N, C-alpha and C. Protein backbone atom coordinates (compact mmCIF):
# COMPACT_ATOMS: atom_id res chain seq x y z
N MET A 1 20.47 -5.05 -29.86
CA MET A 1 19.21 -4.89 -29.05
C MET A 1 17.80 -5.38 -30.03
N ASN A 2 18.04 -5.55 -31.18
CA ASN A 2 17.28 -6.69 -31.93
C ASN A 2 17.27 -8.03 -31.51
N ASP A 3 18.39 -8.49 -31.66
CA ASP A 3 18.28 -9.71 -30.66
C ASP A 3 17.51 -10.12 -29.56
N LEU A 4 17.68 -9.15 -28.82
CA LEU A 4 16.93 -9.36 -27.24
C LEU A 4 15.63 -9.28 -27.68
N ARG A 5 15.22 -8.04 -28.24
CA ARG A 5 13.71 -8.16 -28.76
C ARG A 5 13.09 -9.56 -29.35
N ALA A 6 13.85 -9.79 -30.56
CA ALA A 6 13.34 -11.17 -30.90
C ALA A 6 13.18 -11.96 -29.84
N GLU A 7 14.35 -12.30 -29.10
CA GLU A 7 14.42 -13.31 -27.90
C GLU A 7 13.02 -13.02 -27.00
N LEU A 8 12.59 -11.58 -26.77
CA LEU A 8 11.37 -11.38 -26.11
C LEU A 8 10.38 -11.96 -26.79
N HIS A 9 9.94 -11.64 -28.11
CA HIS A 9 8.97 -12.10 -28.98
C HIS A 9 9.00 -13.87 -28.62
N ARG A 10 10.13 -14.48 -28.96
CA ARG A 10 10.02 -15.94 -28.75
C ARG A 10 9.44 -16.26 -27.51
N MET A 11 9.96 -15.76 -26.23
CA MET A 11 9.79 -16.00 -24.97
C MET A 11 8.11 -16.29 -25.01
N VAL A 12 7.51 -14.87 -25.34
CA VAL A 12 6.09 -14.76 -25.10
C VAL A 12 5.28 -15.74 -25.87
N ASP A 13 5.81 -15.85 -27.20
CA ASP A 13 5.03 -17.03 -28.23
C ASP A 13 5.30 -18.40 -27.26
N GLN A 14 5.81 -18.57 -26.56
CA GLN A 14 6.00 -20.05 -25.81
C GLN A 14 5.47 -20.28 -24.52
N LEU A 15 4.67 -18.57 -24.05
CA LEU A 15 3.92 -18.99 -22.73
C LEU A 15 2.70 -19.42 -22.92
N PRO A 16 2.70 -20.33 -21.80
CA PRO A 16 1.29 -20.98 -21.54
C PRO A 16 0.14 -19.90 -21.83
N ASP A 17 -1.15 -20.24 -21.88
CA ASP A 17 -2.23 -19.23 -22.08
C ASP A 17 -2.72 -18.51 -20.65
N HIS A 18 -2.45 -19.46 -19.78
CA HIS A 18 -2.72 -18.73 -18.40
C HIS A 18 -1.55 -17.68 -17.76
N ALA A 19 -0.49 -17.78 -18.39
CA ALA A 19 0.57 -16.67 -17.80
C ALA A 19 0.49 -15.22 -18.56
N LEU A 20 -0.65 -15.54 -19.63
CA LEU A 20 -0.56 -14.38 -20.63
C LEU A 20 -0.93 -13.01 -19.94
N GLU A 21 -1.73 -12.86 -19.07
CA GLU A 21 -2.81 -11.90 -18.51
C GLU A 21 -1.50 -11.05 -17.76
N GLN A 22 -0.79 -12.33 -16.69
CA GLN A 22 0.26 -11.50 -15.82
C GLN A 22 1.60 -10.87 -16.47
N THR A 23 1.66 -11.69 -17.85
CA THR A 23 2.92 -11.06 -18.81
C THR A 23 2.43 -9.66 -19.32
N GLN A 24 1.25 -9.76 -19.69
CA GLN A 24 0.78 -8.52 -20.42
C GLN A 24 1.13 -7.44 -19.10
N ALA A 25 0.59 -7.46 -17.71
CA ALA A 25 0.44 -6.52 -17.02
C ALA A 25 1.94 -5.97 -16.53
N ALA A 26 2.94 -7.15 -16.57
CA ALA A 26 4.23 -6.72 -16.51
C ALA A 26 4.77 -5.63 -17.67
N LEU A 27 4.40 -6.07 -18.57
CA LEU A 27 5.15 -5.50 -19.41
C LEU A 27 4.38 -3.85 -19.91
N GLU A 28 3.21 -3.91 -19.37
CA GLU A 28 2.50 -2.53 -19.53
C GLU A 28 3.51 -1.92 -18.51
N TYR A 29 3.68 -2.50 -17.32
CA TYR A 29 4.25 -1.54 -16.17
C TYR A 29 5.85 -1.21 -16.88
N CYS A 30 6.64 -2.13 -17.32
CA CYS A 30 7.60 -1.85 -17.86
C CYS A 30 7.74 -0.69 -18.70
N ARG A 31 6.86 -0.70 -19.67
CA ARG A 31 6.28 0.24 -20.57
C ARG A 31 6.67 1.80 -20.07
N ASP A 32 5.76 1.61 -18.85
CA ASP A 32 5.39 3.29 -18.14
C ASP A 32 4.94 3.06 -16.97
N PRO A 33 6.16 2.91 -16.15
CA PRO A 33 6.14 2.94 -14.75
C PRO A 33 5.33 3.79 -13.97
N GLU A 34 5.53 4.83 -14.22
CA GLU A 34 4.89 6.35 -13.52
C GLU A 34 3.28 6.06 -13.60
N LYS A 35 3.01 5.20 -14.93
CA LYS A 35 1.47 5.42 -15.00
C LYS A 35 0.81 4.50 -14.11
N HIS A 36 1.71 3.32 -13.72
CA HIS A 36 1.18 2.25 -12.89
C HIS A 36 1.73 2.38 -11.53
N ARG A 37 1.86 3.93 -10.97
CA ARG A 37 2.34 3.51 -9.66
C ARG A 37 1.31 3.67 -8.63
N MET A 38 1.19 2.90 -7.53
CA MET A 38 0.30 3.08 -6.33
C MET A 38 0.01 4.31 -5.82
N THR A 39 -1.28 4.85 -5.64
CA THR A 39 -1.60 6.27 -5.31
C THR A 39 -2.14 5.92 -3.69
N ILE A 40 -2.25 7.05 -3.30
CA ILE A 40 -3.15 6.68 -2.07
C ILE A 40 -4.59 6.23 -2.38
N LYS A 41 -4.87 6.87 -3.17
CA LYS A 41 -6.40 6.90 -3.68
C LYS A 41 -6.31 5.28 -3.93
N ASN A 42 -5.55 4.50 -4.38
CA ASN A 42 -5.72 3.15 -5.39
C ASN A 42 -4.98 1.93 -3.76
N ALA A 43 -4.50 2.52 -3.17
CA ALA A 43 -4.04 1.94 -1.77
C ALA A 43 -5.39 1.80 -0.78
N ARG A 44 -6.16 2.73 -0.70
CA ARG A 44 -7.15 3.10 0.17
C ARG A 44 -7.98 2.17 -0.63
N ARG A 45 -8.55 1.90 -1.72
CA ARG A 45 -9.34 0.92 -2.34
C ARG A 45 -9.07 -0.20 -2.44
N ARG A 46 -7.89 -0.63 -2.42
CA ARG A 46 -7.20 -1.97 -2.63
C ARG A 46 -6.93 -2.69 -0.94
N ALA A 47 -6.91 -1.35 -0.18
CA ALA A 47 -6.82 -1.81 0.70
C ALA A 47 -8.26 -2.58 1.83
N GLN A 48 -9.35 -1.36 1.19
CA GLN A 48 -10.64 -1.84 1.59
C GLN A 48 -11.36 -3.31 1.06
N GLU A 49 -10.44 -3.47 -0.21
CA GLU A 49 -11.24 -4.80 -0.75
C GLU A 49 -10.45 -5.91 0.22
N ASN A 50 -9.32 -5.78 0.27
CA ASN A 50 -8.85 -7.25 0.89
C ASN A 50 -9.41 -7.20 2.36
N SER A 51 -9.27 -5.79 3.28
CA SER A 51 -9.83 -5.79 4.45
C SER A 51 -11.48 -6.66 4.88
N ASP A 52 -12.31 -6.61 3.88
CA ASP A 52 -13.72 -7.39 3.60
C ASP A 52 -12.92 -8.78 3.88
N ARG A 53 -12.35 -8.93 3.28
CA ARG A 53 -12.06 -10.41 2.99
C ARG A 53 -11.20 -11.19 4.47
N HIS A 54 -10.47 -10.32 4.81
CA HIS A 54 -9.42 -10.72 6.49
C HIS A 54 -10.99 -10.59 7.56
N LEU A 55 -11.70 -9.53 7.49
CA LEU A 55 -12.33 -9.68 8.23
C LEU A 55 -13.50 -10.38 8.33
N ARG A 56 -14.08 -10.97 6.97
CA ARG A 56 -14.79 -11.72 7.25
C ARG A 56 -14.45 -13.36 7.39
N LYS A 57 -13.42 -13.45 6.91
CA LYS A 57 -12.73 -14.86 7.14
C LYS A 57 -12.69 -14.94 8.78
N PHE A 58 -12.09 -13.47 9.17
CA PHE A 58 -12.12 -13.82 10.88
C PHE A 58 -13.49 -14.30 11.36
N ALA A 59 -14.32 -13.36 11.11
CA ALA A 59 -15.75 -13.51 11.69
C ALA A 59 -16.54 -15.22 11.34
N GLU A 60 -15.63 -15.91 10.15
CA GLU A 60 -16.45 -17.13 9.90
C GLU A 60 -15.58 -17.84 11.06
N ARG A 61 -14.51 -17.59 11.39
CA ARG A 61 -13.48 -18.57 11.75
C ARG A 61 -14.03 -18.53 13.45
N THR A 62 -14.37 -17.36 14.19
CA THR A 62 -14.51 -17.44 15.24
C THR A 62 -15.86 -17.19 15.62
N GLY A 63 -16.89 -16.79 14.35
CA GLY A 63 -18.11 -17.34 14.47
C GLY A 63 -18.71 -15.48 15.44
N HIS A 64 -17.63 -15.17 16.04
CA HIS A 64 -18.06 -13.34 16.14
C HIS A 64 -17.43 -12.35 15.44
N GLY A 65 -17.30 -11.27 16.01
CA GLY A 65 -16.74 -10.57 15.44
C GLY A 65 -17.38 -9.21 14.41
N PHE A 66 -16.82 -8.58 13.64
CA PHE A 66 -17.82 -7.64 12.81
C PHE A 66 -17.27 -7.89 11.46
N ILE A 67 -17.99 -7.32 10.47
CA ILE A 67 -17.19 -7.67 9.26
C ILE A 67 -17.92 -5.92 8.41
N THR A 68 -16.95 -5.25 7.90
CA THR A 68 -17.14 -3.99 7.85
C THR A 68 -16.04 -3.64 6.55
N SER A 69 -16.18 -2.55 6.11
CA SER A 69 -15.89 -2.26 4.54
C SER A 69 -14.63 -1.26 4.97
N VAL A 70 -13.57 -1.86 5.43
CA VAL A 70 -12.52 -0.72 5.97
C VAL A 70 -11.25 -1.49 4.74
N GLY A 71 -10.07 -1.88 5.35
CA GLY A 71 -9.18 -1.87 4.38
C GLY A 71 -8.11 -3.00 4.91
N SER A 72 -7.22 -3.63 3.98
CA SER A 72 -6.36 -4.33 4.16
C SER A 72 -5.32 -4.56 2.74
N GLY A 73 -3.82 -4.48 2.80
CA GLY A 73 -3.19 -4.59 1.73
C GLY A 73 -2.24 -5.85 2.10
N GLY A 74 -1.60 -5.31 2.96
CA GLY A 74 -0.27 -6.81 3.61
C GLY A 74 -0.93 -6.27 4.94
N GLY A 75 -1.79 -7.21 5.51
CA GLY A 75 -2.01 -7.05 6.95
C GLY A 75 -2.56 -8.33 7.37
N HIS A 76 -3.32 -8.05 8.37
CA HIS A 76 -3.81 -9.34 9.30
C HIS A 76 -4.74 -9.03 10.29
N THR A 77 -5.52 -9.85 10.72
CA THR A 77 -6.71 -9.58 11.79
C THR A 77 -6.20 -10.50 12.88
N PHE A 78 -5.99 -9.53 14.15
CA PHE A 78 -5.45 -10.12 15.29
C PHE A 78 -6.79 -11.25 16.12
N ALA A 79 -6.39 -11.98 17.04
CA ALA A 79 -7.40 -12.74 17.45
C ALA A 79 -8.62 -12.02 18.71
N ASP A 80 -7.85 -10.87 18.69
CA ASP A 80 -9.18 -10.10 19.58
C ASP A 80 -9.88 -9.06 18.56
N GLY A 81 -10.05 -9.26 17.35
CA GLY A 81 -10.66 -8.34 16.47
C GLY A 81 -10.17 -7.50 15.55
N ASN A 82 -8.95 -6.76 16.46
CA ASN A 82 -8.52 -5.60 15.84
C ASN A 82 -7.54 -5.89 14.72
N HIS A 83 -7.42 -4.72 13.61
CA HIS A 83 -6.76 -5.39 12.44
C HIS A 83 -6.15 -4.12 11.90
N HIS A 84 -5.05 -4.74 11.43
CA HIS A 84 -4.05 -3.54 10.79
C HIS A 84 -3.46 -4.23 9.35
N SER A 85 -3.34 -3.10 8.46
CA SER A 85 -2.87 -3.50 7.26
C SER A 85 -2.45 -1.87 6.41
N SER A 86 -1.25 -2.58 5.60
CA SER A 86 -0.27 -1.28 5.28
C SER A 86 -0.10 -1.60 3.58
N MET A 87 0.32 -0.55 2.65
CA MET A 87 0.65 -0.92 1.70
C MET A 87 1.34 0.42 1.26
N ALA A 88 2.21 0.30 0.26
CA ALA A 88 3.40 1.21 -0.05
C ALA A 88 2.55 1.79 -1.03
N ALA A 89 2.61 3.13 -1.21
CA ALA A 89 1.84 4.04 -2.22
C ALA A 89 2.47 5.58 -2.64
N PHE A 90 2.32 6.09 -3.02
CA PHE A 90 2.95 7.51 -3.31
C PHE A 90 1.67 8.39 -3.11
N ASP A 91 2.34 9.55 -2.74
CA ASP A 91 1.37 10.84 -2.13
C ASP A 91 1.50 12.02 -2.52
N ASP A 92 1.16 12.49 -3.66
CA ASP A 92 1.61 13.61 -4.20
C ASP A 92 3.45 13.72 -4.97
N GLY A 93 3.46 12.53 -5.44
CA GLY A 93 4.71 12.01 -6.00
C GLY A 93 6.00 11.67 -5.03
N LYS A 94 5.54 11.96 -3.25
CA LYS A 94 6.59 11.35 -2.70
C LYS A 94 6.26 9.74 -2.22
N GLU A 95 7.20 8.98 -1.98
CA GLU A 95 7.13 7.72 -1.29
C GLU A 95 6.07 7.62 -0.24
N ALA A 96 5.09 7.09 0.17
CA ALA A 96 4.13 6.79 1.29
C ALA A 96 4.11 5.70 1.87
N THR A 97 3.43 5.44 2.94
CA THR A 97 3.08 3.95 3.35
C THR A 97 1.67 4.33 4.02
N TYR A 98 0.61 3.37 3.13
CA TYR A 98 -0.97 3.60 3.94
C TYR A 98 -1.17 2.68 4.91
N HIS A 99 -1.61 3.18 5.80
CA HIS A 99 -2.10 2.05 7.01
C HIS A 99 -3.34 2.34 7.48
N LEU A 100 -4.11 1.19 7.76
CA LEU A 100 -5.41 1.06 7.77
C LEU A 100 -5.37 0.35 9.21
N TYR A 101 -6.34 0.97 10.34
CA TYR A 101 -5.95 0.18 11.33
C TYR A 101 -7.79 0.02 12.04
N VAL A 102 -8.74 -1.13 12.31
CA VAL A 102 -9.24 -1.23 13.44
C VAL A 102 -9.08 -1.62 14.56
N PHE A 103 -9.17 -0.37 15.32
CA PHE A 103 -9.01 -1.21 16.74
C PHE A 103 -10.19 -1.11 17.98
N ARG A 104 -10.14 -2.16 18.47
CA ARG A 104 -11.64 -2.03 19.37
C ARG A 104 -12.85 -1.44 18.64
N GLY A 105 -12.74 -1.89 17.36
CA GLY A 105 -14.05 -1.23 16.43
C GLY A 105 -13.79 -0.20 16.08
N HIS A 106 -12.74 0.83 16.44
CA HIS A 106 -12.62 2.01 15.37
C HIS A 106 -11.62 2.24 14.72
N VAL A 107 -12.37 2.96 13.71
CA VAL A 107 -11.32 2.74 12.14
C VAL A 107 -10.65 3.93 11.85
N PHE A 108 -9.39 3.72 11.63
CA PHE A 108 -8.65 5.44 11.56
C PHE A 108 -7.35 4.85 10.43
N GLU A 109 -7.07 5.80 9.28
CA GLU A 109 -6.01 5.47 8.22
C GLU A 109 -4.57 6.71 8.72
N ILE A 110 -3.88 5.85 8.41
CA ILE A 110 -2.37 7.14 8.21
C ILE A 110 -1.52 6.42 7.29
N VAL A 111 -1.64 8.00 6.79
CA VAL A 111 -0.71 7.82 5.78
C VAL A 111 0.99 8.76 6.44
N GLU A 112 2.07 8.11 5.86
CA GLU A 112 3.29 7.78 6.49
C GLU A 112 4.03 8.59 5.31
N THR A 113 4.90 9.56 5.69
CA THR A 113 5.62 9.92 4.44
C THR A 113 7.20 10.35 5.20
N ILE A 114 8.11 9.79 4.54
CA ILE A 114 9.49 10.88 5.20
C ILE A 114 10.38 11.11 3.95
N GLU A 115 11.28 12.23 4.49
CA GLU A 115 11.79 13.02 3.35
C GLU A 115 13.00 13.62 4.01
N VAL A 116 13.98 14.08 3.18
CA VAL A 116 15.11 14.97 3.52
C VAL A 116 14.54 16.37 3.21
N SER A 117 15.01 16.94 4.25
CA SER A 117 14.73 18.56 4.42
C SER A 117 15.27 19.24 3.09
N PRO A 118 14.72 20.31 2.56
CA PRO A 118 15.45 21.17 1.30
C PRO A 118 16.88 21.32 1.65
N ASP A 119 17.38 21.89 2.66
CA ASP A 119 18.72 21.89 3.21
C ASP A 119 19.52 20.66 3.27
N GLY A 120 18.54 19.55 3.62
CA GLY A 120 19.55 18.28 3.32
C GLY A 120 20.19 17.92 4.70
N GLU A 121 19.69 18.75 5.74
CA GLU A 121 20.12 18.39 6.99
C GLU A 121 19.26 17.51 7.86
N ARG A 122 18.10 17.32 7.84
CA ARG A 122 17.24 16.62 8.60
C ARG A 122 16.31 15.50 7.57
N LEU A 123 15.74 14.46 8.50
CA LEU A 123 14.76 13.67 7.89
C LEU A 123 13.43 14.41 8.24
N ILE A 124 12.17 14.41 7.54
CA ILE A 124 10.98 14.63 8.27
C ILE A 124 10.36 13.66 8.18
N ARG A 125 9.65 13.34 9.05
CA ARG A 125 8.76 12.50 9.19
C ARG A 125 7.43 12.61 9.08
N ARG A 126 6.63 12.36 8.72
CA ARG A 126 4.90 12.67 8.86
C ARG A 126 3.74 11.80 8.83
N GLU A 127 3.03 11.71 9.60
CA GLU A 127 2.06 10.79 9.61
C GLU A 127 0.52 11.83 9.66
N ARG A 128 -0.47 11.33 8.61
CA ARG A 128 -1.61 12.02 8.61
C ARG A 128 -2.50 11.27 8.63
N ILE A 129 -3.20 11.36 10.18
CA ILE A 129 -4.10 10.19 10.77
C ILE A 129 -5.29 11.23 10.42
N THR A 130 -6.24 9.82 9.94
CA THR A 130 -7.67 10.67 9.64
C THR A 130 -8.65 9.36 10.45
N GLY A 131 -9.51 9.87 11.13
CA GLY A 131 -10.38 9.30 12.15
C GLY A 131 -11.62 8.71 11.05
N ALA A 132 -12.47 8.21 11.69
CA ALA A 132 -13.95 8.05 11.31
C ALA A 132 -14.54 8.88 10.33
N ASP A 133 -14.57 10.06 11.38
CA ASP A 133 -15.16 11.12 11.13
C ASP A 133 -14.69 11.81 9.80
N GLY A 134 -13.60 11.51 9.31
CA GLY A 134 -12.75 12.65 8.36
C GLY A 134 -12.05 13.54 8.43
N ARG A 135 -11.86 13.73 10.19
CA ARG A 135 -10.91 14.57 10.75
C ARG A 135 -9.57 13.99 10.33
N GLU A 136 -8.52 15.27 10.30
CA GLU A 136 -7.25 14.74 10.04
C GLU A 136 -6.66 15.55 10.93
N ARG A 137 -5.34 14.78 11.34
CA ARG A 137 -4.09 15.29 12.28
C ARG A 137 -3.09 15.11 11.66
N ILE A 138 -1.94 15.84 12.16
CA ILE A 138 -1.05 15.82 11.36
C ILE A 138 0.17 16.00 12.28
N LEU A 139 1.08 14.88 12.51
CA LEU A 139 2.07 14.82 13.26
C LEU A 139 3.72 14.58 12.80
N THR A 140 4.57 15.59 13.02
CA THR A 140 5.35 15.94 12.46
C THR A 140 6.98 15.44 13.31
N ALA A 141 7.75 14.68 12.47
CA ALA A 141 9.06 14.47 13.39
C ALA A 141 10.13 15.25 12.49
N GLU A 142 11.18 15.83 13.01
CA GLU A 142 12.26 16.34 12.33
C GLU A 142 13.44 15.51 13.05
N LEU A 143 14.41 14.93 12.34
CA LEU A 143 15.45 14.12 12.94
C LEU A 143 16.63 14.71 12.32
N PRO A 144 17.97 14.94 12.95
CA PRO A 144 18.70 15.40 12.45
C PRO A 144 19.70 14.29 11.70
N LYS A 145 20.10 14.48 10.60
CA LYS A 145 21.14 14.12 9.96
C LYS A 145 22.19 13.35 10.33
N ALA A 146 22.04 11.98 10.01
CA ALA A 146 23.18 10.98 10.88
C ALA A 146 24.61 11.77 10.65
N ALA A 147 25.42 11.54 11.74
CA ALA A 147 26.94 12.25 11.50
C ALA A 147 27.53 11.15 10.40
N ALA A 148 28.69 11.69 9.49
CA ALA A 148 29.09 11.11 8.65
C ALA A 148 30.23 10.28 9.65
N THR A 149 30.60 9.08 8.70
CA THR A 149 31.23 7.98 10.00
C THR A 149 32.71 7.91 9.17
């Protein structure tokens, strides 16, 4: 193990300066991955920052549209100005996907989760939909477990 640690030290010592910041971030993540998990709160913030950029580019390119502070992560703006982005995150310790939509000027978000039921017999898929007014709706689908083959 000491040989591996020494080799890692040598590798870091040989990195160009421009690579040090990314390397530090990667090592900090490896040291404590739980601390660096993307939460819904952080996904929402990053989505909003990225959306500003995507929607601004759309407005600049087309000469019309709207610029708003909504969101994006991995997403895009369509020719009609509608926007969708999503980002993997964790919601109360469960794997989740955060989605942000702009549809005909209406902004809403969805937090999607999927889990196995406590008895192990079903998959439970939930979508928590939040409108611009802050009101939430929850849609739930319970799917039977696939038959063993």
